[in-house]
């Protein structure tokens, strides 16, 4: 089973794909979709949708997961994040995937063992769980963590 995880952002959305075979996980691919801040909001959302659709069509994942939105101090940033997250949910749903959503703390707990883990701890654990993984960046690392959390939590009530 191939699982795609997404870490939404209007600036840089991370994506990561893992293969689950029984209790074993292996890295398939990871990357980031960056949008140009000089483009209009609609143009950036279209670019994000197009790039994510290309990834989904190329790898054909069986299941998808998206990190939930956290509330920023800046309401405008929260709205933009929500719009990017909507594009992520749409891209996965349009591909016919069941989509799960996970809070950041739950992702960290599933990967590291504590919901208060730092990003560096999550990235270190990715190296343990997916030996030899080359991360495309911090957002791709977060997306792989979402995919791993989904793999661990899939089918649990």
Protein backbone atom coordinates (compact mmCIF):
# COMPACT_ATOMS: atom_id res chain seq x y z
CA UNK A 1 0.00 0.00 0.00
CA UNK A 2 1.31 3.45 -0.93
CA UNK A 3 0.47 6.32 1.42
CA UNK A 4 0.91 10.00 0.65
CA UNK A 5 1.18 12.58 3.40
CA UNK A 6 0.82 16.31 2.82
CA UNK A 7 1.99 19.25 4.92
CA UNK A 8 -0.02 22.14 3.48
CA UNK A 9 1.28 25.66 3.04
CA UNK A 10 0.72 28.34 0.45
CA UNK A 11 4.44 29.06 0.32
CA UNK A 12 5.82 25.51 0.39
CA UNK A 13 3.66 22.39 0.64
CA UNK A 14 5.53 19.24 1.53
CA UNK A 15 4.63 15.81 0.22
CA UNK A 16 5.93 12.40 1.19
CA UNK A 17 5.11 8.87 0.09
CA UNK A 18 5.79 5.68 2.00
CA UNK A 19 5.06 2.06 1.17
CA UNK A 20 3.45 -0.05 3.86
CA UNK A 21 3.92 -3.80 3.66
CA UNK A 22 2.52 -5.38 6.80
CA UNK A 23 4.30 -3.60 9.65
CA UNK A 24 7.20 -2.51 7.43
CA UNK A 25 7.52 0.96 6.01
CA UNK A 26 9.83 2.12 3.26
CA UNK A 27 10.47 5.48 1.68
CA UNK A 28 9.19 5.96 -1.86
CA UNK A 29 9.60 9.68 -2.53
CA UNK A 30 9.31 13.14 -1.03
CA UNK A 31 9.32 16.69 -2.26
CA UNK A 32 7.99 20.19 -1.95
CA UNK A 33 5.72 22.41 -4.02
CA UNK A 34 6.86 26.02 -3.76
CA UNK A 35 4.77 28.90 -5.05
CA UNK A 36 6.02 32.32 -6.10
CA UNK A 37 4.80 35.06 -3.78
CA UNK A 38 4.65 37.41 -6.78
CA UNK A 39 1.77 35.40 -8.25
CA UNK A 40 -1.83 36.13 -7.29
CA UNK A 41 -3.51 33.91 -4.72
CA UNK A 42 -5.62 32.10 -7.36
CA UNK A 43 -2.52 31.49 -9.50
CA UNK A 44 -0.66 30.06 -6.52
CA UNK A 45 -3.56 27.75 -5.66
CA UNK A 46 -3.76 26.52 -9.27
CA UNK A 47 -0.01 25.85 -9.27
CA UNK A 48 -0.29 23.92 -6.00
CA UNK A 49 -3.18 21.86 -7.38
CA UNK A 50 -1.37 21.12 -10.65
CA UNK A 51 1.87 20.04 -8.94
CA UNK A 52 0.09 17.85 -6.36
CA UNK A 53 -2.04 16.27 -9.09
CA UNK A 54 1.13 15.43 -11.03
CA UNK A 55 2.64 13.76 -7.95
CA UNK A 56 -0.55 11.79 -7.30
CA UNK A 57 -0.85 10.66 -10.92
CA UNK A 58 2.82 9.66 -11.04
CA UNK A 59 2.91 7.59 -7.83
CA UNK A 60 -0.74 6.46 -7.63
CA UNK A 61 -1.00 6.28 -3.81
CA UNK A 62 -3.72 4.15 -2.24
CA UNK A 63 -4.43 6.44 0.70
CA UNK A 64 -3.74 10.00 1.75
CA UNK A 65 -3.41 12.12 4.86
CA UNK A 66 -3.18 15.85 5.47
CA UNK A 67 -1.93 17.70 8.51
CA UNK A 68 -4.65 19.76 10.20
CA UNK A 69 -4.47 23.55 10.33
CA UNK A 70 -3.19 25.21 13.44
CA UNK A 71 -4.28 28.76 14.19
CA UNK A 72 -1.60 31.41 13.63
CA UNK A 73 -1.48 34.71 15.47
CA UNK A 74 -2.07 36.36 12.10
CA UNK A 75 -5.62 35.64 10.84
CA UNK A 76 -4.60 36.31 7.21
CA UNK A 77 -1.91 33.63 7.43
CA UNK A 78 -4.41 31.18 8.87
CA UNK A 79 -6.85 31.87 6.01
CA UNK A 80 -4.15 31.35 3.37
CA UNK A 81 -3.05 28.13 5.05
CA UNK A 82 -6.67 26.98 5.07
CA UNK A 83 -6.99 27.66 1.36
CA UNK A 84 -3.82 25.69 0.59
CA UNK A 85 -5.09 22.89 2.82
CA UNK A 86 -8.37 22.88 0.88
CA UNK A 87 -6.43 22.39 -2.35
CA UNK A 88 -4.55 19.47 -0.76
CA UNK A 89 -7.78 17.81 0.38
CA UNK A 90 -9.36 18.38 -3.03
CA UNK A 91 -6.40 16.95 -4.96
CA UNK A 92 -6.48 13.74 -2.89
CA UNK A 93 -10.28 13.40 -2.96
CA UNK A 94 -10.43 14.07 -6.71
CA UNK A 95 -8.01 11.16 -7.18
CA UNK A 96 -10.53 8.93 -5.39
CA UNK A 97 -8.44 8.50 -2.23
CA UNK A 98 -9.81 8.16 1.26
CA UNK A 99 -8.37 11.14 3.10
CA UNK A 100 -7.52 11.32 6.79
CA UNK A 101 -6.56 14.40 8.77
CA UNK A 102 -4.20 14.50 11.72
CA UNK A 103 -3.28 17.14 14.27
CA UNK A 104 0.39 18.05 14.46
CA UNK A 105 0.68 16.73 18.01
CA UNK A 106 -0.76 13.35 16.97
CA UNK A 107 1.70 13.11 14.06
CA UNK A 108 4.62 13.84 16.37
CA UNK A 109 3.37 11.33 18.93
CA UNK A 110 2.98 8.61 16.25
CA UNK A 111 6.50 9.19 14.90
CA UNK A 112 8.55 10.18 17.94
CA UNK A 113 6.43 9.04 20.89
CA UNK A 114 5.61 12.49 22.24
CA UNK A 115 3.34 15.19 20.87
CA UNK A 116 5.74 17.85 22.11
CA UNK A 117 8.65 16.66 19.93
CA UNK A 118 10.79 19.25 18.17
CA UNK A 119 11.18 19.26 14.38
CA UNK A 120 14.77 18.04 14.76
CA UNK A 121 13.55 15.02 16.74
CA UNK A 122 10.97 14.20 14.06
CA UNK A 123 13.61 14.44 11.33
CA UNK A 124 16.02 12.25 13.31
CA UNK A 125 13.30 9.62 13.76
CA UNK A 126 12.58 9.70 10.02
CA UNK A 127 16.18 8.61 9.50
CA UNK A 128 15.59 5.66 11.84
CA UNK A 129 12.22 4.64 10.38
CA UNK A 130 13.23 5.22 6.75
CA UNK A 131 16.96 4.42 6.56
CA UNK A 132 18.83 6.32 3.87
CA UNK A 133 16.03 8.83 3.28
CA UNK A 134 17.16 12.06 1.61
CA UNK A 135 14.78 14.82 2.63
CA UNK A 136 13.83 17.49 0.10
CA UNK A 137 13.38 19.95 2.97
CA UNK A 138 11.64 20.55 6.28
CA UNK A 139 8.16 20.59 4.73
CA UNK A 140 8.83 17.27 2.96
CA UNK A 141 10.00 15.84 6.29
CA UNK A 142 6.77 16.94 7.93
CA UNK A 143 4.78 15.36 5.09
CA UNK A 144 6.62 12.05 5.48
CA UNK A 145 5.81 12.19 9.19
CA UNK A 146 2.13 12.61 8.30
CA UNK A 147 2.33 9.59 5.97
CA UNK A 148 4.01 7.50 8.68
CA UNK A 149 1.44 8.54 11.27
CA UNK A 150 -1.31 7.55 8.84
CA UNK A 151 0.37 4.19 8.26
CA UNK A 152 0.48 3.56 12.02
CA UNK A 153 -3.05 4.79 12.69
CA UNK A 154 -4.76 3.36 9.59
CA UNK A 155 -7.69 1.17 10.55
CA UNK A 156 -7.62 2.12 14.22
CA UNK A 157 -10.81 3.50 15.79
